[in-house]
Amino acid sequence: MPTSAGVGWAMTAYAPHGTYLYAIDEHGRITTWNTSPAAWLDGACGIVARPMTDAEWSAYLPRVAYTRTC
């Protein structure tokens, strides 16, 4: 199994509504990730602490009209 920080994942599954991804590692520990677009946007804004520049937007989202994100 692939590992992350030395942990071998035993099983992953999405919640029925698709907003959360659950993973159980080989030791029975459960990790939960919120996979909603709003959660990803909040996480990205928290990391960079600024909106994307026009150049970044054009490079990564070339077919999407610019929208201020953070």
PDB file of N, CA and C in Angstrom:
ATOM      1  N   MET A   1       0.833  -1.184   0.000  1.00  0.00           N
ATOM      2  CA  MET A   1       0.000   0.000   0.000  1.00  0.00           C
ATOM      3  C   MET A   1       0.878   1.248   0.000  1.00  0.00           C
ATOM      4  N   PRO A   2       0.421   2.347  -0.652  1.00  0.00           N
ATOM      5  CA  PRO A   2       1.164   3.598  -0.581  1.00  0.00           C
ATOM      6  C   PRO A   2       1.203   4.099   0.852  1.00  0.00           C
ATOM      7  N   THR A   3       2.239   4.799   1.171  1.00  0.00           N
ATOM      8  CA  THR A   3       2.344   5.321   2.524  1.00  0.00           C
ATOM      9  C   THR A   3       2.457   6.828   2.518  1.00  0.00           C
ATOM     10  N   SER A   4       2.039   7.423   3.607  1.00  0.00           N
ATOM     11  CA  SER A   4       2.159   8.859   3.818  1.00  0.00           C
ATOM     12  C   SER A   4       2.726   9.032   5.215  1.00  0.00           C
ATOM     13  N   ALA A   5       3.883   9.621   5.317  1.00  0.00           N
ATOM     14  CA  ALA A   5       4.546   9.816   6.610  1.00  0.00           C
ATOM     15  C   ALA A   5       4.692   8.495   7.355  1.00  0.00           C
ATOM     16  N   GLY A   6       4.982   7.417   6.613  1.00  0.00           N
ATOM     17  CA  GLY A   6       5.220   6.137   7.238  1.00  0.00           C
ATOM     18  C   GLY A   6       3.977   5.355   7.603  1.00  0.00           C
ATOM     19  N   VAL A   7       2.806   5.819   7.183  1.00  0.00           N
ATOM     20  CA  VAL A   7       1.564   5.133   7.512  1.00  0.00           C
ATOM     21  C   VAL A   7       1.066   4.407   6.277  1.00  0.00           C
ATOM     22  N   GLY A   8       0.776   3.126   6.392  1.00  0.00           N
ATOM     23  CA  GLY A   8       0.167   2.372   5.299  1.00  0.00           C
ATOM     24  C   GLY A   8      -1.343   2.455   5.437  1.00  0.00           C
ATOM     25  N   TRP A   9      -2.011   2.965   4.423  1.00  0.00           N
ATOM     26  CA  TRP A   9      -3.468   3.096   4.496  1.00  0.00           C
ATOM     27  C   TRP A   9      -4.114   1.756   4.205  1.00  0.00           C
ATOM     28  N   ALA A  10      -5.088   1.377   5.000  1.00  0.00           N
ATOM     29  CA  ALA A  10      -5.760   0.102   4.841  1.00  0.00           C
ATOM     30  C   ALA A  10      -7.037   0.233   4.016  1.00  0.00           C
ATOM     31  N   MET A  11      -7.755   1.367   4.132  1.00  0.00           N
ATOM     32  CA  MET A  11      -9.017   1.517   3.427  1.00  0.00           C
ATOM     33  C   MET A  11      -9.403   2.988   3.352  1.00  0.00           C
ATOM     34  N   THR A  12     -10.009   3.386   2.240  1.00  0.00           N
ATOM     35  CA  THR A  12     -10.559   4.733   2.114  1.00  0.00           C
ATOM     36  C   THR A  12     -11.971   4.633   1.560  1.00  0.00           C
ATOM     37  N   ALA A  13     -12.815   5.619   1.892  1.00  0.00           N
ATOM     38  CA  ALA A  13     -14.187   5.649   1.386  1.00  0.00           C
ATOM     39  C   ALA A  13     -14.728   7.058   1.503  1.00  0.00           C
ATOM     40  N   TYR A  14     -15.562   7.440   0.525  1.00  0.00           N
ATOM     41  CA  TYR A  14     -16.268   8.716   0.604  1.00  0.00           C
ATOM     42  C   TYR A  14     -17.549   8.537   1.406  1.00  0.00           C
ATOM     43  N   ALA A  15     -17.940   9.590   2.113  1.00  0.00           N
ATOM     44  CA  ALA A  15     -19.231   9.596   2.795  1.00  0.00           C
ATOM     45  C   ALA A  15     -20.323   9.539   1.733  1.00  0.00           C
ATOM     46  N   PRO A  16     -21.505   9.046   2.062  1.00  0.00           N
ATOM     47  CA  PRO A  16     -22.581   8.934   1.075  1.00  0.00           C
ATOM     48  C   PRO A  16     -22.885  10.237   0.332  1.00  0.00           C
ATOM     49  N   HIS A  17     -22.781  11.367   0.999  1.00  0.00           N
ATOM     50  CA  HIS A  17     -23.062  12.665   0.358  1.00  0.00           C
ATOM     51  C   HIS A  17     -21.850  13.204  -0.389  1.00  0.00           C
ATOM     52  N   GLY A  18     -20.698  12.551  -0.263  1.00  0.00           N
ATOM     53  CA  GLY A  18     -19.507  12.907  -1.031  1.00  0.00           C
ATOM     54  C   GLY A  18     -18.701  14.084  -0.530  1.00  0.00           C
ATOM     55  N   THR A  19     -19.025  14.614   0.629  1.00  0.00           N
ATOM     56  CA  THR A  19     -18.301  15.776   1.145  1.00  0.00           C
ATOM     57  C   THR A  19     -17.055  15.398   1.924  1.00  0.00           C
ATOM     58  N   TYR A  20     -17.011  14.215   2.493  1.00  0.00           N
ATOM     59  CA  TYR A  20     -15.875  13.800   3.309  1.00  0.00           C
ATOM     60  C   TYR A  20     -15.252  12.521   2.765  1.00  0.00           C
ATOM     61  N   LEU A  21     -13.934  12.450   2.872  1.00  0.00           N
ATOM     62  CA  LEU A  21     -13.188  11.242   2.548  1.00  0.00           C
ATOM     63  C   LEU A  21     -12.634  10.706   3.856  1.00  0.00           C
ATOM     64  N   TYR A  22     -12.906   9.455   4.126  1.00  0.00           N
ATOM     65  CA  TYR A  22     -12.425   8.815   5.346  1.00  0.00           C
ATOM     66  C   TYR A  22     -11.343   7.811   4.984  1.00  0.00           C
ATOM     67  N   ALA A  23     -10.310   7.740   5.803  1.00  0.00           N
ATOM     68  CA  ALA A  23      -9.246   6.761   5.605  1.00  0.00           C
ATOM     69  C   ALA A  23      -8.955   6.089   6.940  1.00  0.00           C
ATOM     70  N   ILE A  24      -8.810   4.790   6.890  1.00  0.00           N
ATOM     71  CA  ILE A  24      -8.446   4.022   8.081  1.00  0.00           C
ATOM     72  C   ILE A  24      -7.068   3.444   7.810  1.00  0.00           C
ATOM     73  N   ASP A  25      -6.124   3.716   8.724  1.00  0.00           N
ATOM     74  CA  ASP A  25      -4.767   3.212   8.513  1.00  0.00           C
ATOM     75  C   ASP A  25      -4.609   1.805   9.078  1.00  0.00           C
ATOM     76  N   GLU A  26      -3.440   1.275   8.898  1.00  0.00           N
ATOM     77  CA  GLU A  26      -3.173  -0.107   9.316  1.00  0.00           C
ATOM     78  C   GLU A  26      -3.272  -0.324  10.818  1.00  0.00           C
ATOM     79  N   HIS A  27      -3.318   0.779  11.594  1.00  0.00           N
ATOM     80  CA  HIS A  27      -3.427   0.676  13.053  1.00  0.00           C
ATOM     81  C   HIS A  27      -4.849   0.955  13.540  1.00  0.00           C
ATOM     82  N   GLY A  28      -5.786   1.157  12.593  1.00  0.00           N
ATOM     83  CA  GLY A  28      -7.174   1.405  12.958  1.00  0.00           C
ATOM     84  C   GLY A  28      -7.506   2.857  13.213  1.00  0.00           C
ATOM     85  N   ARG A  29      -6.567   3.774  12.992  1.00  0.00           N
ATOM     86  CA  ARG A  29      -6.833   5.199  13.185  1.00  0.00           C
ATOM     87  C   ARG A  29      -7.588   5.743  11.976  1.00  0.00           C
ATOM     88  N   ILE A  30      -8.572   6.576  12.237  1.00  0.00           N
ATOM     89  CA  ILE A  30      -9.387   7.153  11.168  1.00  0.00           C
ATOM     90  C   ILE A  30      -8.991   8.605  10.951  1.00  0.00           C
ATOM     91  N   THR A  31      -8.791   8.961   9.695  1.00  0.00           N
ATOM     92  CA  THR A  31      -8.516  10.338   9.304  1.00  0.00           C
ATOM     93  C   THR A  31      -9.653  10.781   8.396  1.00  0.00           C
ATOM     94  N   THR A  32     -10.116  12.018   8.573  1.00  0.00           N
ATOM     95  CA  THR A  32     -11.210  12.562   7.777  1.00  0.00           C
ATOM     96  C   THR A  32     -10.741  13.815   7.057  1.00  0.00           C
ATOM     97  N   TRP A  33     -11.067  13.902   5.767  1.00  0.00           N
ATOM     98  CA  TRP A  33     -10.780  15.110   4.987  1.00  0.00           C
ATOM     99  C   TRP A  33     -12.084  15.650   4.429  1.00  0.00           C
ATOM    100  N   ASN A  34     -12.313  16.944   4.611  1.00  0.00           N
ATOM    101  CA  ASN A  34     -13.459  17.610   4.003  1.00  0.00           C
ATOM    102  C   ASN A  34     -13.074  17.902   2.564  1.00  0.00           C
ATOM    103  N   THR A  35     -13.816  17.360   1.605  1.00  0.00           N
ATOM    104  CA  THR A  35     -13.462  17.505   0.198  1.00  0.00           C
ATOM    105  C   THR A  35     -14.363  18.496  -0.538  1.00  0.00           C
ATOM    106  N   SER A  36     -15.152  19.275   0.194  1.00  0.00           N
ATOM    107  CA  SER A  36     -16.018  20.254  -0.469  1.00  0.00           C
ATOM    108  C   SER A  36     -15.165  21.361  -1.085  1.00  0.00           C
ATOM    109  N   PRO A  37     -15.617  21.940  -2.186  1.00  0.00           N
ATOM    110  CA  PRO A  37     -14.867  23.051  -2.791  1.00  0.00           C
ATOM    111  C   PRO A  37     -14.623  24.203  -1.809  1.00  0.00           C
ATOM    112  N   ALA A  38     -15.603  24.497  -0.957  1.00  0.00           N
ATOM    113  CA  ALA A  38     -15.432  25.584   0.010  1.00  0.00           C
ATOM    114  C   ALA A  38     -14.305  25.276   0.991  1.00  0.00           C
ATOM    115  N   ALA A  39     -14.199  24.026   1.423  1.00  0.00           N
ATOM    116  CA  ALA A  39     -13.123  23.646   2.349  1.00  0.00           C
ATOM    117  C   ALA A  39     -11.763  23.765   1.677  1.00  0.00           C
ATOM    118  N   TRP A  40     -11.685  23.354   0.403  1.00  0.00           N
ATOM    119  CA  TRP A  40     -10.410  23.476  -0.327  1.00  0.00           C
ATOM    120  C   TRP A  40     -10.037  24.940  -0.497  1.00  0.00           C
ATOM    121  N   LEU A  41     -11.016  25.789  -0.813  1.00  0.00           N
ATOM    122  CA  LEU A  41     -10.744  27.218  -0.973  1.00  0.00           C
ATOM    123  C   LEU A  41     -10.280  27.831   0.344  1.00  0.00           C
ATOM    124  N   ASP A  42     -10.960  27.497   1.438  1.00  0.00           N
ATOM    125  CA  ASP A  42     -10.535  28.002   2.751  1.00  0.00           C
ATOM    126  C   ASP A  42      -9.115  27.544   3.079  1.00  0.00           C
ATOM    127  N   GLY A  43      -8.807  26.294   2.799  1.00  0.00           N
ATOM    128  CA  GLY A  43      -7.468  25.771   3.066  1.00  0.00           C
ATOM    129  C   GLY A  43      -6.405  26.470   2.238  1.00  0.00           C
ATOM    130  N   ALA A  44      -6.686  26.650   0.950  1.00  0.00           N
ATOM    131  CA  ALA A  44      -5.725  27.319   0.076  1.00  0.00           C
ATOM    132  C   ALA A  44      -5.519  28.764   0.491  1.00  0.00           C
ATOM    133  N   CYS A  45      -6.591  29.446   0.805  1.00  0.00           N
ATOM    134  CA  CYS A  45      -6.476  30.850   1.234  1.00  0.00           C
ATOM    135  C   CYS A  45      -5.706  30.949   2.552  1.00  0.00           C
ATOM    136  N   GLY A  46      -5.904  29.975   3.425  1.00  0.00           N
ATOM    137  CA  GLY A  46      -5.179  29.972   4.688  1.00  0.00           C
ATOM    138  C   GLY A  46      -3.684  29.767   4.504  1.00  0.00           C
ATOM    139  N   ILE A  47      -3.314  29.020   3.466  1.00  0.00           N
ATOM    140  CA  ILE A  47      -1.896  28.767   3.209  1.00  0.00           C
ATOM    141  C   ILE A  47      -1.219  29.972   2.567  1.00  0.00           C
ATOM    142  N   VAL A  48      -1.825  30.517   1.517  1.00  0.00           N
ATOM    143  CA  VAL A  48      -1.169  31.607   0.787  1.00  0.00           C
ATOM    144  C   VAL A  48      -1.511  32.982   1.331  1.00  0.00           C
ATOM    145  N   ALA A  49      -2.625  33.106   2.044  1.00  0.00           N
ATOM    146  CA  ALA A  49      -3.057  34.355   2.690  1.00  0.00           C
ATOM    147  C   ALA A  49      -3.179  35.520   1.715  1.00  0.00           C
ATOM    148  N   ARG A  50      -3.579  35.218   0.478  1.00  0.00           N
ATOM    149  CA  ARG A  50      -3.790  36.268  -0.523  1.00  0.00           C
ATOM    150  C   ARG A  50      -4.569  35.673  -1.679  1.00  0.00           C
ATOM    151  N   PRO A  51      -5.235  36.518  -2.464  1.00  0.00           N
ATOM    152  CA  PRO A  51      -5.922  35.994  -3.643  1.00  0.00           C
ATOM    153  C   PRO A  51      -4.912  35.646  -4.741  1.00  0.00           C
ATOM    154  N   MET A  52      -5.342  34.826  -5.691  1.00  0.00           N
ATOM    155  CA  MET A  52      -4.483  34.494  -6.828  1.00  0.00           C
ATOM    156  C   MET A  52      -4.273  35.749  -7.683  1.00  0.00           C
ATOM    157  N   THR A  53      -3.097  35.879  -8.245  1.00  0.00           N
ATOM    158  CA  THR A  53      -2.836  36.982  -9.177  1.00  0.00           C
ATOM    159  C   THR A  53      -3.465  36.649 -10.524  1.00  0.00           C
ATOM    160  N   ASP A  54      -3.585  37.653 -11.399  1.00  0.00           N
ATOM    161  CA  ASP A  54      -4.107  37.405 -12.749  1.00  0.00           C
ATOM    162  C   ASP A  54      -3.252  36.378 -13.472  1.00  0.00           C
ATOM    163  N   ALA A  55      -1.937  36.457 -13.320  1.00  0.00           N
ATOM    164  CA  ALA A  55      -1.028  35.523 -13.990  1.00  0.00           C
ATOM    165  C   ALA A  55      -1.239  34.094 -13.480  1.00  0.00           C
ATOM    166  N   GLU A  56      -1.389  33.922 -12.159  1.00  0.00           N
ATOM    167  CA  GLU A  56      -1.635  32.597 -11.597  1.00  0.00           C
ATOM    168  C   GLU A  56      -2.966  32.037 -12.095  1.00  0.00           C
ATOM    169  N   TRP A  57      -3.987  32.894 -12.101  1.00  0.00           N
ATOM    170  CA  TRP A  57      -5.301  32.455 -12.551  1.00  0.00           C
ATOM    171  C   TRP A  57      -5.230  31.986 -14.006  1.00  0.00           C
ATOM    172  N   SER A  58      -4.570  32.779 -14.844  1.00  0.00           N
ATOM    173  CA  SER A  58      -4.435  32.421 -16.262  1.00  0.00           C
ATOM    174  C   SER A  58      -3.669  31.117 -16.453  1.00  0.00           C
ATOM    175  N   ALA A  59      -2.649  30.897 -15.630  1.00  0.00           N
ATOM    176  CA  ALA A  59      -1.836  29.688 -15.755  1.00  0.00           C
ATOM    177  C   ALA A  59      -2.593  28.435 -15.305  1.00  0.00           C
ATOM    178  N   TYR A  60      -3.353  28.539 -14.219  1.00  0.00           N
ATOM    179  CA  TYR A  60      -3.973  27.363 -13.634  1.00  0.00           C
ATOM    180  C   TYR A  60      -5.441  27.176 -13.998  1.00  0.00           C
ATOM    181  N   LEU A  61      -6.124  28.260 -14.352  1.00  0.00           N
ATOM    182  CA  LEU A  61      -7.553  28.193 -14.695  1.00  0.00           C
ATOM    183  C   LEU A  61      -7.818  28.974 -15.980  1.00  0.00           C
ATOM    184  N   PRO A  62      -7.167  28.611 -17.065  1.00  0.00           N
ATOM    185  CA  PRO A  62      -7.218  29.428 -18.279  1.00  0.00           C
ATOM    186  C   PRO A  62      -8.603  29.576 -18.898  1.00  0.00           C
ATOM    187  N   ARG A  63      -9.499  28.650 -18.680  1.00  0.00           N
ATOM    188  CA  ARG A  63     -10.824  28.724 -19.299  1.00  0.00           C
ATOM    189  C   ARG A  63     -11.918  29.181 -18.332  1.00  0.00           C
ATOM    190  N   VAL A  64     -11.515  29.706 -17.178  1.00  0.00           N
ATOM    191  CA  VAL A  64     -12.469  30.145 -16.169  1.00  0.00           C
ATOM    192  C   VAL A  64     -12.288  31.638 -15.948  1.00  0.00           C
ATOM    193  N   ALA A  65     -13.401  32.371 -15.932  1.00  0.00           N
ATOM    194  CA  ALA A  65     -13.336  33.817 -15.688  1.00  0.00           C
ATOM    195  C   ALA A  65     -12.805  34.076 -14.283  1.00  0.00           C
ATOM    196  N   TYR A  66     -11.961  35.102 -14.140  1.00  0.00           N
ATOM    197  CA  TYR A  66     -11.354  35.431 -12.852  1.00  0.00           C
ATOM    198  C   TYR A  66     -12.405  35.764 -11.822  1.00  0.00           C
ATOM    199  N   THR A  67     -12.254  35.221 -10.641  1.00  0.00           N
ATOM    200  CA  THR A  67     -13.072  35.518  -9.488  1.00  0.00           C
ATOM    201  C   THR A  67     -12.164  35.679  -8.288  1.00  0.00           C
ATOM    202  N   ARG A  68     -12.329  36.753  -7.539  1.00  0.00           N
ATOM    203  CA  ARG A  68     -11.505  36.925  -6.342  1.00  0.00           C
ATOM    204  C   ARG A  68     -11.821  35.797  -5.362  1.00  0.00           C
ATOM    205  N   THR A  69     -10.792  35.133  -4.868  1.00  0.00           N
ATOM    206  CA  THR A  69     -10.980  33.934  -4.059  1.00  0.00           C
ATOM    207  C   THR A  69     -10.780  34.118  -2.564  1.00  0.00           C
ATOM    208  N   CYS A  70      -9.912  35.008  -2.151  1.00  0.00           N
ATOM    209  CA  CYS A  70      -9.624  35.155  -0.713  1.00  0.00           C
ATOM    210  C   CYS A  70      -9.889  36.575  -0.271  1.00  0.00           C
TER     211      CYS A  70
END
